Amino acid sequence: MRRARITHTGAYHHVMNRGHGGEDIFCGNKNKNLFLEILTVSRNIYRIKIFAFCIMDNHYHLVMENSSGKMSEFIKSINGRYGLAYRKKEGGRGYVFQSRYKSTLIQDNSYLMMSIGYVLLNPVKARIVTKYDKYKWSSSMHYFDRKESNIVDNKFVENLFSSKQKMTGFLDGLIGRELKTMKTKYGEILGSERFLKQALARYDRRRKGQSSGRRRIEDRYFEPVEKIIMEFENLKGININDIDTHTFSGKRLRGELLVLIKELSGLKYTDIVELPLYTNLQINSLPKLYRDAKLREKVKK
């Protein structure tokens, strides 16, 4: 079983995930724009504060606050939704993202500024642009433009750096430098040794305060939804896009897949209703569909 990550409500994180096998899953403006749309929707659903983002051709970076305590659900949502949309648009089979995202716990505002700078400098490091604020697919253009962004908490970031000039100077000082993180069995830490001890102590107290049943639920590693669908298609010898949900057999297949997605991916009904087979359903109809499918499973047994 994979270890749970160190986090808590209000914790700062730098999250990164890349295409499976280094695949260019964000190649082209349409794919990058699709990911941004999914990011915006999921951010609002899970009430996560995003401070910076950068979408490269084969990976993405996010700097965020686990403001609602639902960071894990948020990441599963954006990866799952984009993975399905990508396969539907581009074709192919198998994983879209590598199996688990990388997460670094950030100590405080000083380290947060470094993380934001590192993320925004990715296109400069890759020699795509010479200035961080010239890259279209990062949050660099959302700061100091007198507007409130619908994706990032730009006002918070502007307060951190105080001015565009100071932000640019700070980032220029980071060029060529790497973030020095500490690796732990629960994930990486960007901060001091003292912060690491405090984070581990806080994490242990939170874990001990939970029931064992609750811990098992939180620690469980859920499967990527695109993998679940691929295995379902292989098992049934079908493509889910070809399922006719107006027929009795099609409705049965939709119910069977719902059970698998709900139990293996960890997605909530608010996420599932966005998936191709379920977009024409009301969200309040999904629990009954799930219960009916589970009942049929029991009858078979």
Protein backbone atom coordinates (compact mmCIF):
# COMPACT_ATOMS: atom_id res chain seq x y z
CA MET A 1 0.00 0.00 0.00
CA ARG A 2 1.31 3.44 -0.91
CA ARG A 3 1.96 5.85 1.94
CA ALA A 4 -0.34 8.79 2.46
CA ARG A 5 1.17 12.20 1.80
CA ILE A 6 1.89 14.77 4.47
CA THR A 7 -0.74 17.47 4.16
CA HIS A 8 -3.38 19.31 6.14
CA THR A 9 -6.03 21.92 5.49
CA GLY A 10 -4.23 25.15 4.62
CA ALA A 11 -0.94 23.48 3.63
CA TYR A 12 1.01 24.82 0.64
CA HIS A 13 2.02 22.35 -2.07
CA HIS A 14 3.88 22.22 -5.35
CA VAL A 15 2.31 19.47 -7.47
CA MET A 16 3.62 18.06 -10.73
CA ASN A 17 2.45 15.27 -13.00
CA ARG A 18 3.60 14.22 -16.44
CA GLY A 19 2.36 12.17 -19.35
CA HIS A 20 2.82 8.43 -19.06
CA GLY A 21 6.20 7.49 -20.50
CA GLY A 22 6.93 11.18 -21.17
CA GLU A 23 4.16 11.41 -23.78
CA ASP A 24 3.37 14.95 -25.00
CA ILE A 25 -0.19 14.92 -23.69
CA PHE A 26 -0.47 18.74 -23.76
CA CYS A 27 0.97 19.21 -27.23
CA GLY A 28 -0.94 21.97 -29.04
CA ASN A 29 -2.92 24.95 -27.81
CA LYS A 30 -6.26 23.12 -27.80
CA ASN A 31 -5.04 20.48 -25.35
CA LYS A 32 -3.50 23.06 -23.05
CA ASN A 33 -6.65 25.15 -23.14
CA LEU A 34 -8.77 22.06 -22.39
CA PHE A 35 -6.65 21.35 -19.31
CA LEU A 36 -7.07 24.95 -18.14
CA GLU A 37 -10.85 24.66 -18.48
CA ILE A 38 -10.86 21.46 -16.42
CA LEU A 39 -8.52 23.05 -13.88
CA THR A 40 -10.86 26.02 -13.45
CA VAL A 41 -13.96 23.86 -12.97
CA SER A 42 -12.29 21.49 -10.49
CA ARG A 43 -10.75 24.38 -8.56
CA ASN A 44 -14.22 25.76 -7.93
CA ILE A 45 -15.77 22.38 -7.05
CA TYR A 46 -13.09 21.48 -4.50
CA ARG A 47 -12.43 25.05 -3.29
CA ILE A 48 -8.68 24.81 -3.84
CA LYS A 49 -6.58 27.98 -4.05
CA ILE A 50 -4.12 27.98 -6.94
CA PHE A 51 -1.23 30.44 -6.83
CA ALA A 52 0.64 29.45 -9.98
CA PHE A 53 0.47 27.01 -12.88
CA CYS A 54 2.54 26.10 -15.90
CA ILE A 55 1.52 23.68 -18.65
CA MET A 56 4.37 22.26 -20.71
CA ASP A 57 3.98 19.77 -23.57
CA ASN A 58 4.42 16.64 -21.42
CA HIS A 59 3.75 17.79 -17.85
CA TYR A 60 2.11 20.41 -15.66
CA HIS A 61 3.04 22.26 -12.47
CA LEU A 62 0.69 23.70 -9.86
CA VAL A 63 1.45 25.70 -6.72
CA MET A 64 -1.58 25.61 -4.46
CA GLU A 65 -3.03 25.73 -0.99
CA ASN A 66 -4.94 22.71 0.29
CA SER A 67 -7.53 25.24 1.36
CA SER A 68 -10.45 22.81 1.66
CA GLY A 69 -8.49 19.73 2.74
CA LYS A 70 -9.53 18.05 -0.55
CA MET A 71 -6.27 18.31 -2.50
CA SER A 72 -6.18 14.59 -3.31
CA GLU A 73 -9.73 14.64 -4.70
CA PHE A 74 -8.89 17.78 -6.67
CA ILE A 75 -5.85 16.19 -8.34
CA LYS A 76 -7.78 13.00 -9.10
CA SER A 77 -10.49 15.12 -10.68
CA ILE A 78 -8.24 17.10 -13.04
CA ASN A 79 -6.18 14.05 -14.01
CA GLY A 80 -9.24 11.85 -14.53
CA ARG A 81 -11.25 14.38 -16.49
CA TYR A 82 -8.36 15.38 -18.70
CA GLY A 83 -7.27 11.78 -19.22
CA LEU A 84 -10.69 10.79 -20.53
CA ALA A 85 -11.06 13.88 -22.68
CA TYR A 86 -7.58 13.39 -24.13
CA ARG A 87 -8.17 9.75 -25.09
CA LYS A 88 -11.54 10.62 -26.63
CA LYS A 89 -9.96 13.44 -28.65
CA GLU A 90 -6.59 11.93 -29.56
CA GLY A 91 -7.38 8.20 -29.54
CA GLY A 92 -5.04 5.52 -28.27
CA ARG A 93 -5.33 3.39 -25.15
CA GLY A 94 -3.75 3.06 -21.74
CA TYR A 95 -2.59 5.52 -19.13
CA VAL A 96 -2.51 9.23 -19.88
CA PHE A 97 -0.71 10.37 -16.73
CA GLN A 98 1.96 8.53 -14.80
CA SER A 99 0.38 6.62 -11.93
CA ARG A 100 0.99 9.08 -9.08
CA TYR A 101 1.56 12.82 -9.00
CA LYS A 102 4.57 14.36 -7.28
CA SER A 103 3.76 16.62 -4.33
CA THR A 104 6.11 18.85 -2.31
CA LEU A 105 4.95 20.34 1.00
CA ILE A 106 6.02 23.99 1.29
CA GLN A 107 6.96 25.58 4.62
CA ASP A 108 5.92 29.24 4.45
CA ASN A 109 5.55 32.32 2.24
CA SER A 110 9.31 32.62 1.58
CA TYR A 111 9.50 29.08 0.24
CA LEU A 112 6.17 29.59 -1.51
CA MET A 113 7.68 32.46 -3.49
CA MET A 114 10.55 30.19 -4.52
CA SER A 115 8.12 27.50 -5.70
CA ILE A 116 6.08 30.00 -7.70
CA GLY A 117 9.27 31.30 -9.27
CA TYR A 118 10.48 27.81 -10.13
CA VAL A 119 7.16 26.96 -11.82
CA LEU A 120 7.01 30.18 -13.84
CA LEU A 121 10.61 29.75 -14.99
CA ASN A 122 10.02 26.31 -16.52
CA PRO A 123 9.58 27.66 -20.09
CA VAL A 124 12.74 29.76 -19.67
CA LYS A 125 14.70 26.74 -18.47
CA ALA A 126 13.39 24.78 -21.48
CA ARG A 127 14.46 27.67 -23.76
CA ILE A 128 10.96 28.13 -25.12
CA VAL A 129 10.96 31.83 -24.13
CA THR A 130 13.60 34.19 -22.79
CA LYS A 131 11.33 35.91 -20.25
CA TYR A 132 8.96 34.10 -17.88
CA ASP A 133 6.06 36.48 -18.59
CA LYS A 134 6.13 35.76 -22.32
CA TYR A 135 4.86 32.20 -21.98
CA LYS A 136 1.15 31.96 -22.74
CA TRP A 137 0.43 28.72 -20.86
CA SER A 138 1.52 29.74 -17.38
CA SER A 139 -0.07 32.02 -14.80
CA SER A 140 2.59 34.71 -15.41
CA MET A 141 0.13 36.89 -17.32
CA HIS A 142 -2.41 36.80 -14.49
CA TYR A 143 -0.39 38.97 -12.09
CA PHE A 144 -0.34 42.77 -11.85
CA ASP A 145 -2.84 43.34 -14.66
CA ARG A 146 -5.49 44.99 -12.41
CA LYS A 147 -7.90 42.10 -12.97
CA GLU A 148 -9.05 39.29 -10.74
CA SER A 149 -8.14 35.93 -12.26
CA ASN A 150 -10.69 33.12 -12.45
CA ILE A 151 -7.94 30.50 -12.15
CA VAL A 152 -5.27 31.73 -9.75
CA ASP A 153 -5.42 33.74 -6.52
CA ASN A 154 -3.44 36.50 -8.19
CA LYS A 155 -4.05 39.10 -5.47
CA PHE A 156 -2.41 36.87 -2.87
CA VAL A 157 0.64 36.40 -5.12
CA GLU A 158 0.80 40.12 -5.87
CA ASN A 159 0.90 40.82 -2.14
CA LEU A 160 3.77 38.35 -1.76
CA PHE A 161 5.94 40.08 -4.35
CA SER A 162 4.47 43.61 -3.90
CA SER A 163 5.22 44.73 -7.48
CA LYS A 164 5.84 43.35 -10.98
CA GLN A 165 9.34 44.78 -10.89
CA LYS A 166 10.21 42.99 -7.65
CA MET A 167 8.66 39.78 -8.88
CA THR A 168 10.75 39.90 -12.05
CA GLY A 169 13.89 40.64 -10.06
CA PHE A 170 13.19 37.77 -7.69
CA LEU A 171 12.67 35.33 -10.56
CA ASP A 172 15.79 36.55 -12.37
CA GLY A 173 17.72 35.61 -9.24
CA LEU A 174 16.38 32.05 -9.42
CA ILE A 175 17.48 31.38 -13.01
CA GLY A 176 19.85 28.42 -13.10
CA ARG A 177 19.12 27.43 -9.51
CA GLU A 178 17.34 24.28 -8.39
CA LEU A 179 14.94 23.93 -5.47
CA LYS A 180 16.57 21.90 -2.71
CA THR A 181 13.92 19.65 -1.24
CA MET A 182 14.13 17.01 1.47
CA LYS A 183 12.86 13.57 0.60
CA THR A 184 10.81 11.70 3.20
CA LYS A 185 8.82 8.47 3.06
CA TYR A 186 5.67 10.62 2.91
CA GLY A 187 6.79 12.92 0.09
CA GLU A 188 9.14 15.85 -0.46
CA ILE A 189 9.47 18.92 1.76
CA LEU A 190 10.57 22.42 0.78
CA GLY A 191 11.65 23.97 4.03
CA SER A 192 13.87 23.59 7.06
CA GLU A 193 14.70 20.54 9.19
CA ARG A 194 12.63 22.07 11.98
CA PHE A 195 9.61 22.42 9.68
CA LEU A 196 10.00 18.78 8.63
CA LYS A 197 9.84 17.67 12.29
CA GLN A 198 6.81 19.90 12.93
CA ALA A 199 5.03 18.62 9.79
CA LEU A 200 5.65 14.99 10.73
CA ALA A 201 4.47 15.58 14.30
CA ARG A 202 1.31 17.29 13.09
CA TYR A 203 0.72 14.53 10.57
CA ASP A 204 1.11 11.83 13.26
CA ARG A 205 -1.30 13.61 15.63
CA ARG A 206 -3.91 13.88 12.88
CA ARG A 207 -3.54 10.21 11.99
CA LYS A 208 -3.79 9.03 15.58
CA GLY A 209 -6.93 11.06 16.05
CA GLN A 210 -8.70 9.17 13.27
CA SER A 211 -10.36 5.81 13.47
CA SER A 212 -8.55 2.94 11.76
CA GLY A 213 -11.40 2.69 9.26
CA ARG A 214 -11.03 6.33 8.33
CA ARG A 215 -7.28 5.92 7.90
CA ARG A 216 -7.75 2.98 5.56
CA ILE A 217 -10.04 5.07 3.36
CA GLU A 218 -7.64 8.03 3.22
CA ASP A 219 -4.55 5.91 2.61
CA ARG A 220 -6.05 3.84 -0.15
CA TYR A 221 -4.46 4.27 -3.55
CA PHE A 222 -7.15 4.79 -6.16
CA GLU A 223 -6.74 3.79 -9.79
CA PRO A 224 -6.74 6.38 -12.60
CA VAL A 225 -10.21 6.47 -14.11
CA GLU A 226 -8.90 6.05 -17.66
CA LYS A 227 -7.21 2.79 -16.59
CA ILE A 228 -10.47 1.52 -15.11
CA ILE A 229 -12.33 2.30 -18.33
CA MET A 230 -9.63 0.71 -20.49
CA GLU A 231 -9.75 -2.52 -18.47
CA PHE A 232 -13.56 -2.51 -18.59
CA GLU A 233 -13.45 -2.12 -22.38
CA ASN A 234 -10.94 -4.99 -22.67
CA LEU A 235 -13.03 -7.22 -20.40
CA LYS A 236 -16.25 -6.56 -22.32
CA GLY A 237 -14.65 -6.33 -25.76
CA ILE A 238 -16.25 -2.94 -26.41
CA ASN A 239 -15.51 0.76 -26.71
CA ILE A 240 -17.53 2.81 -24.21
CA ASN A 241 -18.21 5.41 -26.91
CA ASP A 242 -20.16 2.71 -28.78
CA ILE A 243 -22.46 1.85 -25.86
CA ASP A 244 -26.08 2.66 -26.68
CA THR A 245 -27.62 3.68 -23.35
CA HIS A 246 -31.09 3.65 -24.88
CA THR A 247 -30.99 -0.15 -24.89
CA PHE A 248 -31.40 -2.48 -21.91
CA SER A 249 -27.92 -3.96 -22.34
CA GLY A 250 -26.36 -0.52 -22.72
CA LYS A 251 -27.92 0.65 -19.45
CA ARG A 252 -26.62 -2.46 -17.72
CA LEU A 253 -23.10 -1.81 -18.97
CA ARG A 254 -23.31 1.80 -17.85
CA GLY A 255 -24.32 0.65 -14.37
CA GLU A 256 -21.51 -1.92 -14.17
CA LEU A 257 -18.94 0.69 -15.15
CA LEU A 258 -20.35 3.13 -12.60
CA VAL A 259 -19.72 0.64 -9.79
CA LEU A 260 -16.11 0.19 -10.90
CA ILE A 261 -15.46 3.93 -11.23
CA LYS A 262 -17.08 4.75 -7.89
CA GLU A 263 -15.22 2.07 -5.96
CA LEU A 264 -11.85 1.99 -7.69
CA SER A 265 -11.20 5.60 -8.72
CA GLY A 266 -12.47 7.40 -5.63
CA LEU A 267 -14.28 9.95 -7.82
CA LYS A 268 -17.43 11.52 -6.45
CA TYR A 269 -20.73 11.75 -8.30
CA THR A 270 -19.97 15.40 -9.12
CA ASP A 271 -16.97 14.16 -11.12
CA ILE A 272 -18.59 11.06 -12.59
CA VAL A 273 -21.49 13.02 -14.06
CA GLU A 274 -18.93 14.79 -16.27
CA LEU A 275 -17.74 11.51 -17.82
CA PRO A 276 -18.94 10.59 -21.34
CA LEU A 277 -21.49 7.88 -20.41
CA TYR A 278 -23.07 9.97 -17.66
CA THR A 279 -23.23 13.55 -18.96
CA ASN A 280 -26.87 13.16 -19.99
CA LEU A 281 -27.91 12.08 -16.48
CA GLN A 282 -28.91 14.15 -13.48
CA ILE A 283 -26.41 13.88 -10.64
CA ASN A 284 -29.14 12.79 -8.21
CA SER A 285 -29.91 9.76 -10.41
CA LEU A 286 -26.40 8.29 -10.05
CA PRO A 287 -26.80 6.89 -6.49
CA LYS A 288 -29.84 4.84 -7.60
CA LEU A 289 -28.02 3.66 -10.71
CA TYR A 290 -25.13 2.58 -8.48
CA ARG A 291 -27.39 0.79 -5.98
CA ASP A 292 -29.27 -1.07 -8.73
CA ALA A 293 -26.02 -2.22 -10.33
CA LYS A 294 -24.68 -3.39 -6.96
CA LEU A 295 -27.88 -5.30 -6.33
CA ARG A 296 -27.54 -7.09 -9.68
CA GLU A 297 -23.99 -8.03 -8.68
CA LYS A 298 -25.27 -9.65 -5.48
CA VAL A 299 -27.97 -11.55 -7.35
CA LYS A 300 -25.37 -12.96 -9.76
CA LYS A 301 -23.28 -14.17 -6.85
